[in-house]
Amino acid sequence: QDSWVEMGRETGLPITAEIVLKTFGMTN
């Protein structure tokens, strides 16, 4: 979650911890 959110913040992608949980198990 932290790595997705940090990458989203750096690149402007709309990624939240909730999105990561919902998609856990899917490929990048």
PDB file of all heavy atoms in Angstrom:
ATOM      1  N   GLN A   1       0.834  -1.206   0.000  1.00  0.00           N
ATOM      2  CA  GLN A   1       0.000   0.000   0.000  1.00  0.00           C
ATOM      3  C   GLN A   1       0.864   1.249   0.000  1.00  0.00           C
ATOM      4  O   GLN A   1       0.633   2.177  -0.784  1.00  0.00           O
ATOM      5  CB  GLN A   1      -0.923   0.002   1.219  1.00  0.00           C
ATOM      6  CG  GLN A   1      -2.092  -0.971   1.115  1.00  0.00           C
ATOM      7  CD  GLN A   1      -2.952  -0.954   2.359  1.00  0.00           C
ATOM      8  OE1 GLN A   1      -2.433  -0.932   3.477  1.00  0.00           O
ATOM      9  NE2 GLN A   1      -4.265  -0.981   2.180  1.00  0.00           N
ATOM     10  N   ASP A   2       1.863   1.280   0.861  1.00  0.00           N
ATOM     11  CA  ASP A   2       2.713   2.463   0.975  1.00  0.00           C
ATOM     12  C   ASP A   2       3.482   2.723  -0.321  1.00  0.00           C
ATOM     13  O   ASP A   2       3.613   3.876  -0.750  1.00  0.00           O
ATOM     14  CB  ASP A   2       3.694   2.302   2.137  1.00  0.00           C
ATOM     15  CG  ASP A   2       3.017   2.381   3.495  1.00  0.00           C
ATOM     16  OD1 ASP A   2       1.838   2.785   3.547  1.00  0.00           O
ATOM     17  OD2 ASP A   2       3.655   2.011   4.498  1.00  0.00           O
ATOM     18  N   SER A   3       3.986   1.657  -0.952  1.00  0.00           N
ATOM     19  CA  SER A   3       4.766   1.852  -2.179  1.00  0.00           C
ATOM     20  C   SER A   3       3.880   2.296  -3.338  1.00  0.00           C
ATOM     21  O   SER A   3       4.284   3.152  -4.133  1.00  0.00           O
ATOM     22  CB  SER A   3       5.524   0.567  -2.541  1.00  0.00           C
ATOM     23  OG  SER A   3       4.653  -0.539  -2.689  1.00  0.00           O
ATOM     24  N   TRP A   4       2.663   1.757  -3.433  1.00  0.00           N
ATOM     25  CA  TRP A   4       1.726   2.219  -4.461  1.00  0.00           C
ATOM     26  C   TRP A   4       1.353   3.688  -4.243  1.00  0.00           C
ATOM     27  O   TRP A   4       1.361   4.495  -5.180  1.00  0.00           O
ATOM     28  CB  TRP A   4       0.456   1.383  -4.450  1.00  0.00           C
ATOM     29  CG  TRP A   4       0.451   0.155  -5.301  1.00  0.00           C
ATOM     30  CD1 TRP A   4       0.403  -1.140  -4.882  1.00  0.00           C
ATOM     31  CD2 TRP A   4       0.465   0.097  -6.733  1.00  0.00           C
ATOM     32  NE1 TRP A   4       0.390  -1.996  -5.956  1.00  0.00           N
ATOM     33  CE2 TRP A   4       0.422  -1.269  -7.098  1.00  0.00           C
ATOM     34  CE3 TRP A   4       0.503   1.053  -7.737  1.00  0.00           C
ATOM     35  CZ2 TRP A   4       0.427  -1.689  -8.432  1.00  0.00           C
ATOM     36  CZ3 TRP A   4       0.506   0.644  -9.069  1.00  0.00           C
ATOM     37  CH2 TRP A   4       0.469  -0.712  -9.401  1.00  0.00           C
ATOM     38  N   VAL A   5       1.003   4.042  -2.993  1.00  0.00           N
ATOM     39  CA  VAL A   5       0.572   5.404  -2.705  1.00  0.00           C
ATOM     40  C   VAL A   5       1.716   6.390  -2.949  1.00  0.00           C
ATOM     41  O   VAL A   5       1.503   7.470  -3.525  1.00  0.00           O
ATOM     42  CB  VAL A   5       0.044   5.511  -1.260  1.00  0.00           C
ATOM     43  CG1 VAL A   5      -0.177   6.969  -0.867  1.00  0.00           C
ATOM     44  CG2 VAL A   5      -1.253   4.717  -1.115  1.00  0.00           C
ATOM     45  N   GLU A   6       2.932   6.034  -2.545  1.00  0.00           N
ATOM     46  CA  GLU A   6       4.075   6.916  -2.770  1.00  0.00           C
ATOM     47  C   GLU A   6       4.348   7.088  -4.256  1.00  0.00           C
ATOM     48  O   GLU A   6       4.614   8.209  -4.731  1.00  0.00           O
ATOM     49  CB  GLU A   6       5.310   6.364  -2.061  1.00  0.00           C
ATOM     50  CG  GLU A   6       5.263   6.526  -0.556  1.00  0.00           C
ATOM     51  CD  GLU A   6       6.547   6.092   0.110  1.00  0.00           C
ATOM     52  OE1 GLU A   6       7.599   6.055  -0.573  1.00  0.00           O
ATOM     53  OE2 GLU A   6       6.518   5.799   1.319  1.00  0.00           O
ATOM     54  N   MET A   7       4.281   5.990  -5.004  1.00  0.00           N
ATOM     55  CA  MET A   7       4.492   6.086  -6.445  1.00  0.00           C
ATOM     56  C   MET A   7       3.400   6.928  -7.099  1.00  0.00           C
ATOM     57  O   MET A   7       3.668   7.741  -7.985  1.00  0.00           O
ATOM     58  CB  MET A   7       4.521   4.684  -7.064  1.00  0.00           C
ATOM     59  CG  MET A   7       5.016   4.651  -8.512  1.00  0.00           C
ATOM     60  SD  MET A   7       3.679   4.805  -9.717  1.00  0.00           S
ATOM     61  CE  MET A   7       2.972   3.164  -9.641  1.00  0.00           C
ATOM     62  N   GLY A   8       2.162   6.765  -6.634  1.00  0.00           N
ATOM     63  CA  GLY A   8       1.067   7.571  -7.157  1.00  0.00           C
ATOM     64  C   GLY A   8       1.256   9.048  -6.873  1.00  0.00           C
ATOM     65  O   GLY A   8       1.004   9.897  -7.735  1.00  0.00           O
ATOM     66  N   ARG A   9       1.717   9.351  -5.671  1.00  0.00           N
ATOM     67  CA  ARG A   9       1.948  10.748  -5.300  1.00  0.00           C
ATOM     68  C   ARG A   9       3.038  11.363  -6.170  1.00  0.00           C
ATOM     69  O   ARG A   9       2.937  12.519  -6.604  1.00  0.00           O
ATOM     70  CB  ARG A   9       2.348  10.825  -3.822  1.00  0.00           C
ATOM     71  CG  ARG A   9       2.445  12.245  -3.274  1.00  0.00           C
ATOM     72  CD  ARG A   9       2.902  12.246  -1.821  1.00  0.00           C
ATOM     73  NE  ARG A   9       2.031  11.439  -0.975  1.00  0.00           N
ATOM     74  CZ  ARG A   9       2.429  10.376  -0.283  1.00  0.00           C
ATOM     75  NH1 ARG A   9       3.693   9.986  -0.337  1.00  0.00           N
ATOM     76  NH2 ARG A   9       1.578   9.717   0.461  1.00  0.00           N
ATOM     77  N   GLU A  10       4.088  10.587  -6.447  1.00  0.00           N
ATOM     78  CA  GLU A  10       5.204  11.090  -7.241  1.00  0.00           C
ATOM     79  C   GLU A  10       4.855  11.262  -8.718  1.00  0.00           C
ATOM     80  O   GLU A  10       5.418  12.120  -9.403  1.00  0.00           O
ATOM     81  CB  GLU A  10       6.393  10.135  -7.111  1.00  0.00           C
ATOM     82  CG  GLU A  10       6.997  10.101  -5.710  1.00  0.00           C
ATOM     83  CD  GLU A  10       7.936   8.931  -5.511  1.00  0.00           C
ATOM     84  OE1 GLU A  10       8.073   8.118  -6.465  1.00  0.00           O
ATOM     85  OE2 GLU A  10       8.521   8.811  -4.423  1.00  0.00           O
ATOM     86  N   THR A  11       3.933  10.434  -9.212  1.00  0.00           N
ATOM     87  CA  THR A  11       3.625  10.436 -10.648  1.00  0.00           C
ATOM     88  C   THR A  11       2.258  11.019 -10.981  1.00  0.00           C
ATOM     89  O   THR A  11       1.917  11.147 -12.156  1.00  0.00           O
ATOM     90  CB  THR A  11       3.683   8.998 -11.196  1.00  0.00           C
ATOM     91  OG1 THR A  11       2.728   8.185 -10.495  1.00  0.00           O
ATOM     92  CG2 THR A  11       5.078   8.402 -11.032  1.00  0.00           C
ATOM     93  N   GLY A  12       1.471  11.341  -9.958  1.00  0.00           N
ATOM     94  CA  GLY A  12       0.146  11.897 -10.192  1.00  0.00           C
ATOM     95  C   GLY A  12      -0.939  10.868 -10.441  1.00  0.00           C
ATOM     96  O   GLY A  12      -2.047  11.222 -10.846  1.00  0.00           O
ATOM     97  N   LEU A  13      -0.651   9.593 -10.181  1.00  0.00           N
ATOM     98  CA  LEU A  13      -1.669   8.553 -10.365  1.00  0.00           C
ATOM     99  C   LEU A  13      -2.643   8.549  -9.189  1.00  0.00           C
ATOM    100  O   LEU A  13      -2.241   8.731  -8.038  1.00  0.00           O
ATOM    101  CB  LEU A  13      -1.013   7.177 -10.478  1.00  0.00           C
ATOM    102  CG  LEU A  13      -0.098   6.931 -11.676  1.00  0.00           C
ATOM    103  CD1 LEU A  13       0.366   5.476 -11.687  1.00  0.00           C
ATOM    104  CD2 LEU A  13      -0.810   7.244 -12.977  1.00  0.00           C
ATOM    105  N   PRO A  14      -3.936   8.312  -9.462  1.00  0.00           N
ATOM    106  CA  PRO A  14      -4.955   8.358  -8.404  1.00  0.00           C
ATOM    107  C   PRO A  14      -5.024   7.047  -7.624  1.00  0.00           C
ATOM    108  O   PRO A  14      -6.009   6.311  -7.684  1.00  0.00           O
ATOM    109  CB  PRO A  14      -6.244   8.608  -9.193  1.00  0.00           C
ATOM    110  CG  PRO A  14      -6.012   7.907 -10.500  1.00  0.00           C
ATOM    111  CD  PRO A  14      -4.540   8.085 -10.798  1.00  0.00           C
ATOM    112  N   ILE A  15      -3.992   6.751  -6.837  1.00  0.00           N
ATOM    113  CA  ILE A  15      -3.920   5.482  -6.111  1.00  0.00           C
ATOM    114  C   ILE A  15      -4.063   5.734  -4.611  1.00  0.00           C
ATOM    115  O   ILE A  15      -3.364   6.579  -4.043  1.00  0.00           O
ATOM    116  CB  ILE A  15      -2.588   4.766  -6.391  1.00  0.00           C
ATOM    117  CG1 ILE A  15      -2.423   4.497  -7.883  1.00  0.00           C
ATOM    118  CG2 ILE A  15      -2.506   3.453  -5.619  1.00  0.00           C
ATOM    119  CD1 ILE A  15      -1.088   3.908  -8.264  1.00  0.00           C
ATOM    120  N   THR A  16      -4.964   4.988  -3.984  1.00  0.00           N
ATOM    121  CA  THR A  16      -5.162   5.076  -2.541  1.00  0.00           C
ATOM    122  C   THR A  16      -4.934   3.699  -1.917  1.00  0.00           C
ATOM    123  O   THR A  16      -4.919   2.675  -2.612  1.00  0.00           O
ATOM    124  CB  THR A  16      -6.587   5.533  -2.205  1.00  0.00           C
ATOM    125  OG1 THR A  16      -7.516   4.519  -2.648  1.00  0.00           O
ATOM    126  CG2 THR A  16      -6.914   6.858  -2.873  1.00  0.00           C
ATOM    127  N   ALA A  17      -4.775   3.684  -0.589  1.00  0.00           N
ATOM    128  CA  ALA A  17      -4.612   2.411   0.121  1.00  0.00           C
ATOM    129  C   ALA A  17      -5.826   1.518  -0.087  1.00  0.00           C
ATOM    130  O   ALA A  17      -5.705   0.295  -0.173  1.00  0.00           O
ATOM    131  CB  ALA A  17      -4.381   2.674   1.607  1.00  0.00           C
ATOM    132  N   GLU A  18      -7.010   2.122  -0.192  1.00  0.00           N
ATOM    133  CA  GLU A  18      -8.236   1.352  -0.402  1.00  0.00           C
ATOM    134  C   GLU A  18      -8.244   0.665  -1.762  1.00  0.00           C
ATOM    135  O   GLU A  18      -8.687  -0.481  -1.890  1.00  0.00           O
ATOM    136  CB  GLU A  18      -9.460   2.256  -0.256  1.00  0.00           C
ATOM    137  CG  GLU A  18      -9.721   2.771   1.156  1.00  0.00           C
ATOM    138  CD  GLU A  18      -8.732   3.851   1.589  1.00  0.00           C
ATOM    139  OE1 GLU A  18      -8.142   4.527   0.710  1.00  0.00           O
ATOM    140  OE2 GLU A  18      -8.525   3.999   2.822  1.00  0.00           O
ATOM    141  N   ILE A  19      -7.756   1.350  -2.782  1.00  0.00           N
ATOM    142  CA  ILE A  19      -7.670   0.753  -4.118  1.00  0.00           C
ATOM    143  C   ILE A  19      -6.720  -0.429  -4.103  1.00  0.00           C
ATOM    144  O   ILE A  19      -6.985  -1.482  -4.702  1.00  0.00           O
ATOM    145  CB  ILE A  19      -7.218   1.805  -5.145  1.00  0.00           C
ATOM    146  CG1 ILE A  19      -8.342   2.806  -5.417  1.00  0.00           C
ATOM    147  CG2 ILE A  19      -6.783   1.133  -6.456  1.00  0.00           C
ATOM    148  CD1 ILE A  19      -7.941   3.965  -6.312  1.00  0.00           C
ATOM    149  N   VAL A  20      -5.596  -0.294  -3.391  1.00  0.00           N
ATOM    150  CA  VAL A  20      -4.629  -1.386  -3.306  1.00  0.00           C
ATOM    151  C   VAL A  20      -5.261  -2.604  -2.648  1.00  0.00           C
ATOM    152  O   VAL A  20      -5.097  -3.740  -3.113  1.00  0.00           O
ATOM    153  CB  VAL A  20      -3.371  -0.943  -2.538  1.00  0.00           C
ATOM    154  CG1 VAL A  20      -2.385  -2.105  -2.429  1.00  0.00           C
ATOM    155  CG2 VAL A  20      -2.713   0.244  -3.230  1.00  0.00           C
ATOM    156  N   LEU A  21      -6.011  -2.396  -1.575  1.00  0.00           N
ATOM    157  CA  LEU A  21      -6.677  -3.516  -0.904  1.00  0.00           C
ATOM    158  C   LEU A  21      -7.685  -4.186  -1.825  1.00  0.00           C
ATOM    159  O   LEU A  21      -7.749  -5.422  -1.914  1.00  0.00           O
ATOM    160  CB  LEU A  21      -7.382  -3.020   0.368  1.00  0.00           C
ATOM    161  CG  LEU A  21      -8.164  -4.080   1.145  1.00  0.00           C
ATOM    162  CD1 LEU A  21      -7.245  -5.213   1.599  1.00  0.00           C
ATOM    163  CD2 LEU A  21      -8.861  -3.450   2.352  1.00  0.00           C
ATOM    164  N   LYS A  22      -8.460  -3.381  -2.527  1.00  0.00           N
ATOM    165  CA  LYS A  22      -9.493  -3.916  -3.412  1.00  0.00           C
ATOM    166  C   LYS A  22      -8.898  -4.727  -4.552  1.00  0.00           C
ATOM    167  O   LYS A  22      -9.504  -5.710  -5.008  1.00  0.00           O
ATOM    168  CB  LYS A  22     -10.333  -2.767  -3.977  1.00  0.00           C
ATOM    169  CG  LYS A  22     -11.509  -3.207  -4.833  1.00  0.00           C
ATOM    170  CD  LYS A  22     -12.326  -2.021  -5.306  1.00  0.00           C
ATOM    171  CE  LYS A  22     -13.489  -2.462  -6.178  1.00  0.00           C
ATOM    172  NZ  LYS A  22     -14.303  -1.301  -6.642  1.00  0.00           N
ATOM    173  N   THR A  23      -7.723  -4.353  -5.020  1.00  0.00           N
ATOM    174  CA  THR A  23      -7.109  -5.015  -6.179  1.00  0.00           C
ATOM    175  C   THR A  23      -6.014  -5.993  -5.776  1.00  0.00           C
ATOM    176  O   THR A  23      -5.332  -6.537  -6.639  1.00  0.00           O
ATOM    177  CB  THR A  23      -6.507  -3.972  -7.141  1.00  0.00           C
ATOM    178  OG1 THR A  23      -5.540  -3.172  -6.436  1.00  0.00           O
ATOM    179  CG2 THR A  23      -7.587  -3.069  -7.707  1.00  0.00           C
ATOM    180  N   PHE A  24      -5.856  -6.246  -4.478  1.00  0.00           N
ATOM    181  CA  PHE A  24      -4.796  -7.132  -3.991  1.00  0.00           C
ATOM    182  C   PHE A  24      -4.936  -8.504  -4.645  1.00  0.00           C
ATOM    183  O   PHE A  24      -6.000  -9.095  -4.658  1.00  0.00           O
ATOM    184  CB  PHE A  24      -4.887  -7.267  -2.470  1.00  0.00           C
ATOM    185  CG  PHE A  24      -3.558  -7.449  -1.793  1.00  0.00           C
ATOM    186  CD1 PHE A  24      -2.489  -6.641  -2.095  1.00  0.00           C
ATOM    187  CD2 PHE A  24      -3.384  -8.444  -0.830  1.00  0.00           C
ATOM    188  CE1 PHE A  24      -1.260  -6.797  -1.459  1.00  0.00           C
ATOM    189  CE2 PHE A  24      -2.170  -8.610  -0.190  1.00  0.00           C
ATOM    190  CZ  PHE A  24      -1.111  -7.790  -0.498  1.00  0.00           C
ATOM    191  N   GLY A  25      -3.845  -8.996  -5.205  1.00  0.00           N
ATOM    192  CA  GLY A  25      -3.870 -10.279  -5.901  1.00  0.00           C
ATOM    193  C   GLY A  25      -3.858 -10.141  -7.410  1.00  0.00           C
ATOM    194  O   GLY A  25      -3.582 -11.102  -8.120  1.00  0.00           O
ATOM    195  N   MET A  26      -4.161  -8.953  -7.915  1.00  0.00           N
ATOM    196  CA  MET A  26      -4.115  -8.717  -9.361  1.00  0.00           C
ATOM    197  C   MET A  26      -2.692  -8.343  -9.785  1.00  0.00           C
ATOM    198  O   MET A  26      -1.881  -7.901  -8.970  1.00  0.00           O
ATOM    199  CB  MET A  26      -5.066  -7.586  -9.754  1.00  0.00           C
ATOM    200  CG  MET A  26      -6.527  -7.885  -9.507  1.00  0.00           C
ATOM    201  SD  MET A  26      -7.572  -6.494 -10.061  1.00  0.00           S
ATOM    202  CE  MET A  26      -9.195  -7.097  -9.597  1.00  0.00           C
ATOM    203  N   THR A  27      -2.399  -8.515 -11.058  1.00  0.00           N
ATOM    204  CA  THR A  27      -1.097  -8.097 -11.566  1.00  0.00           C
ATOM    205  C   THR A  27      -1.029  -6.576 -11.629  1.00  0.00           C
ATOM    206  O   THR A  27      -2.050  -5.885 -11.689  1.00  0.00           O
ATOM    207  CB  THR A  27      -0.836  -8.665 -12.973  1.00  0.00           C
ATOM    208  OG1 THR A  27      -1.800  -8.095 -13.879  1.00  0.00           O
ATOM    209  CG2 THR A  27      -0.941 -10.181 -12.999  1.00  0.00           C
ATOM    210  N   ASN A  28       0.193  -6.055 -11.647  1.00  0.00           N
ATOM    211  CA  ASN A  28       0.362  -4.607 -11.778  1.00  0.00           C
ATOM    212  C   ASN A  28      -0.271  -4.093 -13.065  1.00  0.00           C
ATOM    213  O   ASN A  28      -0.860  -3.003 -13.086  1.00  0.00           O
ATOM    214  CB  ASN A  28       1.847  -4.243 -11.743  1.00  0.00           C
ATOM    215  CG  ASN A  28       2.444  -4.392 -10.364  1.00  0.00           C
ATOM    216  OD1 ASN A  28       1.738  -4.627  -9.385  1.00  0.00           O
ATOM    217  ND2 ASN A  28       3.755  -4.278 -10.278  1.00  0.00           N
TER     218      ASN A  28
END
